[in-house]
């Protein structure tokens, strides 16, 4: 099979276009997550901030949020009362980072 140079160039431009679309989608999701996080109350924001950096690459987001929340409660940075609700609110914003 013979491909002309023009075909290769068109394929390269198509691939660049696809990667640019993917990059802009990722930025939009990060922006959405940041906007969501900006609306969180203080305990939820504490969980979000503690989790956001590893949320993108972590396997199970629910386990990660639970672990970070537990750690914050045990260290006295987050009161136990309301921790579950705060974690759920933070989790809704963290999901946006993974889309």
PDB file of N, CA and C in Angstrom:
ATOM      1  N   UNK A   1       0.846  -1.173   0.000  1.00  0.00           N
ATOM      2  CA  UNK A   1       0.000   0.000   0.000  1.00  0.00           C
ATOM      3  C   UNK A   1       0.885   1.227   0.000  1.00  0.00           C
ATOM      4  N   UNK A   2       0.582   2.152  -0.870  1.00  0.00           N
ATOM      5  CA  UNK A   2       1.387   3.350  -1.011  1.00  0.00           C
ATOM      6  C   UNK A   2       0.590   4.561  -0.523  1.00  0.00           C
ATOM      7  N   UNK A   3       1.152   5.268   0.443  1.00  0.00           N
ATOM      8  CA  UNK A   3       0.529   6.489   0.937  1.00  0.00           C
ATOM      9  C   UNK A   3       1.344   7.672   0.440  1.00  0.00           C
ATOM     10  N   UNK A   4       0.661   8.632  -0.087  1.00  0.00           N
ATOM     11  CA  UNK A   4       1.383   9.827  -0.535  1.00  0.00           C
ATOM     12  C   UNK A   4       1.709  10.689   0.675  1.00  0.00           C
ATOM     13  N   UNK A   5       2.595  11.643   0.483  1.00  0.00           N
ATOM     14  CA  UNK A   5       2.960  12.557   1.562  1.00  0.00           C
ATOM     15  C   UNK A   5       1.748  13.353   2.010  1.00  0.00           C
ATOM     16  N   UNK A   6       0.901  13.704   1.073  1.00  0.00           N
ATOM     17  CA  UNK A   6      -0.308  14.458   1.416  1.00  0.00           C
ATOM     18  C   UNK A   6      -1.200  13.699   2.377  1.00  0.00           C
ATOM     19  N   UNK A   7      -1.310  12.390   2.189  1.00  0.00           N
ATOM     20  CA  UNK A   7      -2.129  11.561   3.072  1.00  0.00           C
ATOM     21  C   UNK A   7      -1.540  11.553   4.483  1.00  0.00           C
ATOM     22  N   UNK A   8      -0.229  11.409   4.576  1.00  0.00           N
ATOM     23  CA  UNK A   8       0.427  11.418   5.880  1.00  0.00           C
ATOM     24  C   UNK A   8       0.243  12.738   6.603  1.00  0.00           C
ATOM     25  N   UNK A   9       0.313  13.823   5.859  1.00  0.00           N
ATOM     26  CA  UNK A   9       0.136  15.150   6.448  1.00  0.00           C
ATOM     27  C   UNK A   9      -1.297  15.298   6.954  1.00  0.00           C
ATOM     28  N   UNK A  10      -2.268  14.829   6.168  1.00  0.00           N
ATOM     29  CA  UNK A  10      -3.668  14.923   6.592  1.00  0.00           C
ATOM     30  C   UNK A  10      -3.904  14.104   7.853  1.00  0.00           C
ATOM     31  N   UNK A  11      -3.308  12.924   7.913  1.00  0.00           N
ATOM     32  CA  UNK A  11      -3.448  12.090   9.107  1.00  0.00           C
ATOM     33  C   UNK A  11      -2.822  12.789  10.307  1.00  0.00           C
ATOM     34  N   UNK A  12      -1.658  13.373  10.116  1.00  0.00           N
ATOM     35  CA  UNK A  12      -0.984  14.077  11.211  1.00  0.00           C
ATOM     36  C   UNK A  12      -1.839  15.238  11.708  1.00  0.00           C
ATOM     37  N   UNK A  13      -2.414  16.021  10.800  1.00  0.00           N
ATOM     38  CA  UNK A  13      -3.268  17.135  11.208  1.00  0.00           C
ATOM     39  C   UNK A  13      -4.521  16.644  11.929  1.00  0.00           C
ATOM     40  N   UNK A  14      -5.075  15.541  11.471  1.00  0.00           N
ATOM     41  CA  UNK A  14      -6.250  14.972  12.136  1.00  0.00           C
ATOM     42  C   UNK A  14      -5.902  14.557  13.564  1.00  0.00           C
ATOM     43  N   UNK A  15      -4.740  13.919  13.733  1.00  0.00           N
ATOM     44  CA  UNK A  15      -4.321  13.497  15.070  1.00  0.00           C
ATOM     45  C   UNK A  15      -4.062  14.688  15.982  1.00  0.00           C
ATOM     46  N   UNK A  16      -3.462  15.732  15.445  1.00  0.00           N
ATOM     47  CA  UNK A  16      -3.234  16.949  16.232  1.00  0.00           C
ATOM     48  C   UNK A  16      -4.570  17.556  16.640  1.00  0.00           C
ATOM     49  N   UNK A  17      -5.512  17.594  15.722  1.00  0.00           N
ATOM     50  CA  UNK A  17      -6.835  18.137  16.028  1.00  0.00           C
ATOM     51  C   UNK A  17      -7.529  17.354  17.125  1.00  0.00           C
ATOM     52  N   UNK A  18      -7.437  16.042  17.064  1.00  0.00           N
ATOM     53  CA  UNK A  18      -8.046  15.203  18.091  1.00  0.00           C
ATOM     54  C   UNK A  18      -7.392  15.450  19.440  1.00  0.00           C
ATOM     55  N   UNK A  19      -6.074  15.546  19.478  1.00  0.00           N
ATOM     56  CA  UNK A  19      -5.395  15.766  20.751  1.00  0.00           C
ATOM     57  C   UNK A  19      -5.714  17.149  21.310  1.00  0.00           C
ATOM     58  N   UNK A  20      -5.884  18.149  20.448  1.00  0.00           N
ATOM     59  CA  UNK A  20      -6.266  19.473  20.936  1.00  0.00           C
ATOM     60  C   UNK A  20      -7.669  19.453  21.511  1.00  0.00           C
ATOM     61  N   UNK A  21      -8.570  18.733  20.885  1.00  0.00           N
ATOM     62  CA  UNK A  21      -9.916  18.614  21.426  1.00  0.00           C
ATOM     63  C   UNK A  21      -9.892  17.919  22.776  1.00  0.00           C
ATOM     64  N   UNK A  22      -9.088  16.888  22.909  1.00  0.00           N
ATOM     65  CA  UNK A  22      -8.980  16.179  24.179  1.00  0.00           C
ATOM     66  C   UNK A  22      -8.402  17.088  25.252  1.00  0.00           C
ATOM     67  N   UNK A  23      -7.405  17.864  24.900  1.00  0.00           N
ATOM     68  CA  UNK A  23      -6.790  18.777  25.868  1.00  0.00           C
ATOM     69  C   UNK A  23      -7.779  19.839  26.311  1.00  0.00           C
ATOM     70  N   UNK A  24      -8.581  20.368  25.389  1.00  0.00           N
ATOM     71  CA  UNK A  24      -9.541  21.395  25.779  1.00  0.00           C
ATOM     72  C   UNK A  24     -10.640  20.798  26.638  1.00  0.00           C
ATOM     73  N   UNK A  25     -11.019  19.534  26.399  1.00  0.00           N
ATOM     74  CA  UNK A  25     -12.005  18.869  27.242  1.00  0.00           C
ATOM     75  C   UNK A  25     -11.471  18.697  28.651  1.00  0.00           C
ATOM     76  N   UNK A  26     -10.211  18.324  28.756  1.00  0.00           N
ATOM     77  CA  UNK A  26      -9.596  18.139  30.072  1.00  0.00           C
ATOM     78  C   UNK A  26      -9.563  19.454  30.827  1.00  0.00           C
ATOM     79  N   UNK A  27      -9.245  20.543  30.132  1.00  0.00           N
ATOM     80  CA  UNK A  27      -9.233  21.852  30.789  1.00  0.00           C
ATOM     81  C   UNK A  27     -10.630  22.228  31.239  1.00  0.00           C
ATOM     82  N   UNK A  28     -11.629  21.922  30.433  1.00  0.00           N
ATOM     83  CA  UNK A  28     -13.002  22.257  30.791  1.00  0.00           C
ATOM     84  C   UNK A  28     -13.417  21.487  32.042  1.00  0.00           C
ATOM     85  N   UNK A  29     -13.032  20.221  32.146  1.00  0.00           N
ATOM     86  CA  UNK A  29     -13.371  19.425  33.311  1.00  0.00           C
ATOM     87  C   UNK A  29     -12.653  19.947  34.556  1.00  0.00           C
ATOM     88  N   UNK A  30     -11.396  20.323  34.409  1.00  0.00           N
ATOM     89  CA  UNK A  30     -10.652  20.880  35.538  1.00  0.00           C
ATOM     90  C   UNK A  30     -11.280  22.202  35.967  1.00  0.00           C
ATOM     91  N   UNK A  31     -11.717  22.983  35.005  1.00  0.00           N
ATOM     92  CA  UNK A  31     -12.366  24.255  35.326  1.00  0.00           C
ATOM     93  C   UNK A  31     -13.692  24.003  36.031  1.00  0.00           C
ATOM     94  N   UNK A  32     -14.429  22.998  35.563  1.00  0.00           N
ATOM     95  CA  UNK A  32     -15.691  22.651  36.209  1.00  0.00           C
ATOM     96  C   UNK A  32     -15.481  22.165  37.631  1.00  0.00           C
ATOM     97  N   UNK A  33     -14.443  21.360  37.827  1.00  0.00           N
ATOM     98  CA  UNK A  33     -14.119  20.869  39.166  1.00  0.00           C
ATOM     99  C   UNK A  33     -13.724  22.033  40.076  1.00  0.00           C
ATOM    100  N   UNK A  34     -12.945  22.960  39.541  1.00  0.00           N
ATOM    101  CA  UNK A  34     -12.528  24.118  40.339  1.00  0.00           C
ATOM    102  C   UNK A  34     -13.728  24.995  40.700  1.00  0.00           C
ATOM    103  N   UNK A  35     -14.640  25.163  39.756  1.00  0.00           N
ATOM    104  CA  UNK A  35     -15.846  25.953  40.022  1.00  0.00           C
ATOM    105  C   UNK A  35     -16.698  25.264  41.086  1.00  0.00           C
ATOM    106  N   UNK A  36     -16.819  23.966  40.972  1.00  0.00           N
ATOM    107  CA  UNK A  36     -17.571  23.189  41.959  1.00  0.00           C
ATOM    108  C   UNK A  36     -16.921  23.315  43.337  1.00  0.00           C
ATOM    109  N   UNK A  37     -15.605  23.168  43.382  1.00  0.00           N
ATOM    110  CA  UNK A  37     -14.871  23.249  44.646  1.00  0.00           C
ATOM    111  C   UNK A  37     -15.018  24.624  45.288  1.00  0.00           C
ATOM    112  N   UNK A  38     -15.127  25.653  44.457  1.00  0.00           N
ATOM    113  CA  UNK A  38     -15.294  27.008  44.973  1.00  0.00           C
ATOM    114  C   UNK A  38     -16.598  27.207  45.727  1.00  0.00           C
ATOM    115  N   UNK A  39     -17.554  26.328  45.501  1.00  0.00           N
ATOM    116  CA  UNK A  39     -18.862  26.429  46.153  1.00  0.00           C
ATOM    117  C   UNK A  39     -18.970  25.546  47.398  1.00  0.00           C
ATOM    118  N   UNK A  40     -17.921  24.779  47.681  1.00  0.00           N
ATOM    119  CA  UNK A  40     -17.953  23.869  48.825  1.00  0.00           C
ATOM    120  C   UNK A  40     -17.813  24.615  50.142  1.00  0.00           C
ATOM    121  N   UNK A  41     -18.424  24.044  51.199  1.00  0.00           N
ATOM    122  CA  UNK A  41     -18.208  24.604  52.531  1.00  0.00           C
ATOM    123  C   UNK A  41     -16.793  24.221  52.995  1.00  0.00           C
ATOM    124  N   UNK A  42     -16.383  24.767  54.113  1.00  0.00           N
ATOM    125  CA  UNK A  42     -14.999  24.599  54.561  1.00  0.00           C
ATOM    126  C   UNK A  42     -14.594  23.132  54.758  1.00  0.00           C
ATOM    127  N   UNK A  43     -15.394  22.293  55.448  1.00  0.00           N
ATOM    128  CA  UNK A  43     -14.982  20.889  55.610  1.00  0.00           C
ATOM    129  C   UNK A  43     -14.890  20.147  54.274  1.00  0.00           C
ATOM    130  N   UNK A  44     -15.843  20.384  53.387  1.00  0.00           N
ATOM    131  CA  UNK A  44     -15.814  19.720  52.078  1.00  0.00           C
ATOM    132  C   UNK A  44     -14.611  20.180  51.270  1.00  0.00           C
ATOM    133  N   UNK A  45     -14.298  21.454  51.348  1.00  0.00           N
ATOM    134  CA  UNK A  45     -13.153  21.991  50.610  1.00  0.00           C
ATOM    135  C   UNK A  45     -11.839  21.413  51.138  1.00  0.00           C
ATOM    136  N   UNK A  46     -11.786  21.199  52.441  1.00  0.00           N
ATOM    137  CA  UNK A  46     -10.590  20.592  53.039  1.00  0.00           C
ATOM    138  C   UNK A  46     -10.364  19.193  52.462  1.00  0.00           C
ATOM    139  N   UNK A  47     -11.428  18.428  52.340  1.00  0.00           N
ATOM    140  CA  UNK A  47     -11.332  17.080  51.762  1.00  0.00           C
ATOM    141  C   UNK A  47     -10.967  17.163  50.289  1.00  0.00           C
ATOM    142  N   UNK A  48     -11.612  18.060  49.571  1.00  0.00           N
ATOM    143  CA  UNK A  48     -11.322  18.234  48.142  1.00  0.00           C
ATOM    144  C   UNK A  48      -9.843  18.553  47.935  1.00  0.00           C
ATOM    145  N   UNK A  49      -9.341  19.532  48.679  1.00  0.00           N
ATOM    146  CA  UNK A  49      -7.943  19.949  48.525  1.00  0.00           C
ATOM    147  C   UNK A  49      -6.972  18.821  48.877  1.00  0.00           C
ATOM    148  N   UNK A  50      -7.318  18.027  49.883  1.00  0.00           N
ATOM    149  CA  UNK A  50      -6.443  16.930  50.294  1.00  0.00           C
ATOM    150  C   UNK A  50      -6.443  15.787  49.279  1.00  0.00           C
ATOM    151  N   UNK A  51      -7.476  15.715  48.463  1.00  0.00           N
ATOM    152  CA  UNK A  51      -7.668  14.573  47.575  1.00  0.00           C
ATOM    153  C   UNK A  51      -7.430  14.881  46.104  1.00  0.00           C
ATOM    154  N   UNK A  52      -7.607  16.113  45.686  1.00  0.00           N
ATOM    155  CA  UNK A  52      -7.634  16.460  44.262  1.00  0.00           C
ATOM    156  C   UNK A  52      -6.388  16.038  43.501  1.00  0.00           C
ATOM    157  N   UNK A  53      -5.238  16.208  44.070  1.00  0.00           N
ATOM    158  CA  UNK A  53      -4.001  15.919  43.346  1.00  0.00           C
ATOM    159  C   UNK A  53      -3.876  14.443  42.968  1.00  0.00           C
ATOM    160  N   UNK A  54      -4.330  13.563  43.837  1.00  0.00           N
ATOM    161  CA  UNK A  54      -4.222  12.138  43.545  1.00  0.00           C
ATOM    162  C   UNK A  54      -5.500  11.547  42.960  1.00  0.00           C
ATOM    163  N   UNK A  55      -6.569  12.327  42.918  1.00  0.00           N
ATOM    164  CA  UNK A  55      -7.856  11.813  42.433  1.00  0.00           C
ATOM    165  C   UNK A  55      -7.819  11.430  40.963  1.00  0.00           C
ATOM    166  N   UNK A  56      -7.056  12.141  40.176  1.00  0.00           N
ATOM    167  CA  UNK A  56      -7.009  11.882  38.737  1.00  0.00           C
ATOM    168  C   UNK A  56      -6.407  10.519  38.438  1.00  0.00           C
ATOM    169  N   UNK A  57      -5.389  10.133  39.179  1.00  0.00           N
ATOM    170  CA  UNK A  57      -4.688   8.889  38.881  1.00  0.00           C
ATOM    171  C   UNK A  57      -5.075   7.727  39.793  1.00  0.00           C
ATOM    172  N   UNK A  58      -5.863   7.992  40.807  1.00  0.00           N
ATOM    173  CA  UNK A  58      -6.232   6.939  41.751  1.00  0.00           C
ATOM    174  C   UNK A  58      -7.207   5.958  41.115  1.00  0.00           C
ATOM    175  N   UNK A  59      -7.137   4.719  41.547  1.00  0.00           N
ATOM    176  CA  UNK A  59      -8.028   3.698  41.016  1.00  0.00           C
ATOM    177  C   UNK A  59      -9.469   3.893  41.449  1.00  0.00           C
ATOM    178  N   UNK A  60      -9.724   3.855  42.724  1.00  0.00           N
ATOM    179  CA  UNK A  60     -11.083   3.941  43.251  1.00  0.00           C
ATOM    180  C   UNK A  60     -11.253   5.256  44.005  1.00  0.00           C
ATOM    181  N   UNK A  61     -12.010   6.154  43.429  1.00  0.00           N
ATOM    182  CA  UNK A  61     -12.184   7.486  44.010  1.00  0.00           C
ATOM    183  C   UNK A  61     -12.881   7.409  45.363  1.00  0.00           C
ATOM    184  N   UNK A  62     -13.854   6.521  45.476  1.00  0.00           N
ATOM    185  CA  UNK A  62     -14.574   6.413  46.745  1.00  0.00           C
ATOM    186  C   UNK A  62     -13.633   6.008  47.880  1.00  0.00           C
ATOM    187  N   UNK A  63     -12.779   5.023  47.622  1.00  0.00           N
ATOM    188  CA  UNK A  63     -11.810   4.598  48.644  1.00  0.00           C
ATOM    189  C   UNK A  63     -10.823   5.714  48.976  1.00  0.00           C
ATOM    190  N   UNK A  64     -10.395   6.432  47.964  1.00  0.00           N
ATOM    191  CA  UNK A  64      -9.445   7.528  48.183  1.00  0.00           C
ATOM    192  C   UNK A  64     -10.064   8.611  49.056  1.00  0.00           C
ATOM    193  N   UNK A  65     -11.296   9.024  48.731  1.00  0.00           N
ATOM    194  CA  UNK A  65     -11.973  10.069  49.514  1.00  0.00           C
ATOM    195  C   UNK A  65     -12.202   9.586  50.946  1.00  0.00           C
ATOM    196  N   UNK A  66     -12.622   8.341  51.100  1.00  0.00           N
ATOM    197  CA  UNK A  66     -12.846   7.799  52.448  1.00  0.00           C
ATOM    198  C   UNK A  66     -11.547   7.786  53.252  1.00  0.00           C
ATOM    199  N   UNK A  67     -10.468   7.379  52.625  1.00  0.00           N
ATOM    200  CA  UNK A  67      -9.173   7.324  53.304  1.00  0.00           C
ATOM    201  C   UNK A  67      -8.694   8.716  53.713  1.00  0.00           C
ATOM    202  N   UNK A  68      -8.787   9.670  52.791  1.00  0.00           N
ATOM    203  CA  UNK A  68      -8.353  11.044  53.099  1.00  0.00           C
ATOM    204  C   UNK A  68      -9.239  11.657  54.184  1.00  0.00           C
ATOM    205  N   UNK A  69     -10.536  11.405  54.109  1.00  0.00           N
ATOM    206  CA  UNK A  69     -11.456  11.946  55.108  1.00  0.00           C
ATOM    207  C   UNK A  69     -11.149  11.358  56.480  1.00  0.00           C
ATOM    208  N   UNK A  70     -10.960  10.056  56.536  1.00  0.00           N
ATOM    209  CA  UNK A  70     -10.622   9.387  57.793  1.00  0.00           C
ATOM    210  C   UNK A  70      -9.337   9.971  58.373  1.00  0.00           C
ATOM    211  N   UNK A  71      -8.346  10.181  57.539  1.00  0.00           N
ATOM    212  CA  UNK A  71      -7.075  10.745  57.983  1.00  0.00           C
ATOM    213  C   UNK A  71      -7.261  12.159  58.545  1.00  0.00           C
ATOM    214  N   UNK A  72      -8.084  12.947  57.882  1.00  0.00           N
ATOM    215  CA  UNK A  72      -8.346  14.317  58.354  1.00  0.00           C
ATOM    216  C   UNK A  72      -9.089  14.314  59.691  1.00  0.00           C
ATOM    217  N   UNK A  73     -10.014  13.384  59.869  1.00  0.00           N
ATOM    218  CA  UNK A  73     -10.745  13.266  61.130  1.00  0.00           C
ATOM    219  C   UNK A  73      -9.800  12.820  62.236  1.00  0.00           C
ATOM    220  N   UNK A  74      -8.995  11.798  61.961  1.00  0.00           N
ATOM    221  CA  UNK A  74      -8.085  11.262  62.977  1.00  0.00           C
ATOM    222  C   UNK A  74      -7.017  12.273  63.399  1.00  0.00           C
ATOM    223  N   UNK A  75      -6.638  13.146  62.484  1.00  0.00           N
ATOM    224  CA  UNK A  75      -5.623  14.153  62.818  1.00  0.00           C
ATOM    225  C   UNK A  75      -6.224  15.395  63.474  1.00  0.00           C
ATOM    226  N   UNK A  76      -7.543  15.415  63.610  1.00  0.00           N
ATOM    227  CA  UNK A  76      -8.205  16.541  64.267  1.00  0.00           C
ATOM    228  C   UNK A  76      -8.454  17.742  63.357  1.00  0.00           C
ATOM    229  N   UNK A  77      -8.169  17.614  62.083  1.00  0.00           N
ATOM    230  CA  UNK A  77      -8.379  18.727  61.153  1.00  0.00           C
ATOM    231  C   UNK A  77      -9.826  18.846  60.698  1.00  0.00           C
ATOM    232  N   UNK A  78     -10.588  17.763  60.868  1.00  0.00           N
ATOM    233  CA  UNK A  78     -11.966  17.714  60.406  1.00  0.00           C
ATOM    234  C   UNK A  78     -12.805  17.062  61.498  1.00  0.00           C
ATOM    235  N   UNK A  79     -13.901  17.715  61.906  1.00  0.00           N
ATOM    236  CA  UNK A  79     -14.746  17.090  62.928  1.00  0.00           C
ATOM    237  C   UNK A  79     -15.451  15.850  62.382  1.00  0.00           C
ATOM    238  N   UNK A  80     -15.634  14.869  63.238  1.00  0.00           N
ATOM    239  CA  UNK A  80     -16.283  13.625  62.806  1.00  0.00           C
ATOM    240  C   UNK A  80     -17.733  13.880  62.388  1.00  0.00           C
ATOM    241  N   UNK A  81     -18.403  14.723  63.153  1.00  0.00           N
ATOM    242  CA  UNK A  81     -19.796  15.049  62.830  1.00  0.00           C
ATOM    243  C   UNK A  81     -19.835  15.767  61.483  1.00  0.00           C
ATOM    244  N   UNK A  82     -20.557  15.225  60.556  1.00  0.00           N
ATOM    245  CA  UNK A  82     -20.683  15.837  59.240  1.00  0.00           C
ATOM    246  C   UNK A  82     -19.604  15.458  58.251  1.00  0.00           C
ATOM    247  N   UNK A  83     -18.664  14.608  58.666  1.00  0.00           N
ATOM    248  CA  UNK A  83     -17.565  14.241  57.769  1.00  0.00           C
ATOM    249  C   UNK A  83     -18.075  13.488  56.543  1.00  0.00           C
ATOM    250  N   UNK A  84     -19.064  12.630  56.740  1.00  0.00           N
ATOM    251  CA  UNK A  84     -19.588  11.855  55.610  1.00  0.00           C
ATOM    252  C   UNK A  84     -20.220  12.782  54.572  1.00  0.00           C
ATOM    253  N   UNK A  85     -21.022  13.719  55.024  1.00  0.00           N
ATOM    254  CA  UNK A  85     -21.673  14.656  54.106  1.00  0.00           C
ATOM    255  C   UNK A  85     -20.641  15.524  53.389  1.00  0.00           C
ATOM    256  N   UNK A  86     -19.617  15.936  54.129  1.00  0.00           N
ATOM    257  CA  UNK A  86     -18.554  16.741  53.526  1.00  0.00           C
ATOM    258  C   UNK A  86     -17.802  15.938  52.468  1.00  0.00           C
ATOM    259  N   UNK A  87     -17.554  14.663  52.755  1.00  0.00           N
ATOM    260  CA  UNK A  87     -16.857  13.798  51.798  1.00  0.00           C
ATOM    261  C   UNK A  87     -17.700  13.584  50.546  1.00  0.00           C
ATOM    262  N   UNK A  88     -18.991  13.414  50.717  1.00  0.00           N
ATOM    263  CA  UNK A  88     -19.873  13.226  49.558  1.00  0.00           C
ATOM    264  C   UNK A  88     -19.893  14.473  48.680  1.00  0.00           C
ATOM    265  N   UNK A  89     -19.949  15.646  49.302  1.00  0.00           N
ATOM    266  CA  UNK A  89     -19.930  16.900  48.536  1.00  0.00           C
ATOM    267  C   UNK A  89     -18.608  17.058  47.793  1.00  0.00           C
ATOM    268  N   UNK A  90     -17.504  16.785  48.473  1.00  0.00           N
ATOM    269  CA  UNK A  90     -16.185  16.870  47.834  1.00  0.00           C
ATOM    270  C   UNK A  90     -16.093  15.868  46.689  1.00  0.00           C
ATOM    271  N   UNK A  91     -16.625  14.680  46.900  1.00  0.00           N
ATOM    272  CA  UNK A  91     -16.597  13.633  45.883  1.00  0.00           C
ATOM    273  C   UNK A  91     -17.312  14.034  44.604  1.00  0.00           C
ATOM    274  N   UNK A  92     -18.422  14.759  44.735  1.00  0.00           N
ATOM    275  CA  UNK A  92     -19.142  15.217  43.540  1.00  0.00           C
ATOM    276  C   UNK A  92     -18.273  16.146  42.697  1.00  0.00           C
ATOM    277  N   UNK A  93     -17.450  16.951  43.314  1.00  0.00           N
ATOM    278  CA  UNK A  93     -16.536  17.823  42.567  1.00  0.00           C
ATOM    279  C   UNK A  93     -15.347  17.040  42.034  1.00  0.00           C
ATOM    280  N   UNK A  94     -14.853  16.099  42.815  1.00  0.00           N
ATOM    281  CA  UNK A  94     -13.694  15.315  42.387  1.00  0.00           C
ATOM    282  C   UNK A  94     -14.002  14.458  41.169  1.00  0.00           C
ATOM    283  N   UNK A  95     -15.237  14.022  41.040  1.00  0.00           N
ATOM    284  CA  UNK A  95     -15.644  13.223  39.873  1.00  0.00           C
ATOM    285  C   UNK A  95     -15.412  14.016  38.593  1.00  0.00           C
ATOM    286  N   UNK A  96     -15.581  15.324  38.651  1.00  0.00           N
ATOM    287  CA  UNK A  96     -15.391  16.170  37.471  1.00  0.00           C
ATOM    288  C   UNK A  96     -13.935  16.136  36.971  1.00  0.00           C
ATOM    289  N   UNK A  97     -13.006  15.939  37.880  1.00  0.00           N
ATOM    290  CA  UNK A  97     -11.588  15.865  37.483  1.00  0.00           C
ATOM    291  C   UNK A  97     -11.288  14.631  36.651  1.00  0.00           C
ATOM    292  N   UNK A  98     -12.114  13.620  36.770  1.00  0.00           N
ATOM    293  CA  UNK A  98     -11.851  12.350  36.086  1.00  0.00           C
ATOM    294  C   UNK A  98     -12.577  12.224  34.755  1.00  0.00           C
ATOM    295  N   UNK A  99     -13.419  13.152  34.434  1.00  0.00           N
ATOM    296  CA  UNK A  99     -14.183  13.049  33.185  1.00  0.00           C
ATOM    297  C   UNK A  99     -13.416  13.549  32.012  1.00  0.00           C
TER     298      UNK A  99
END
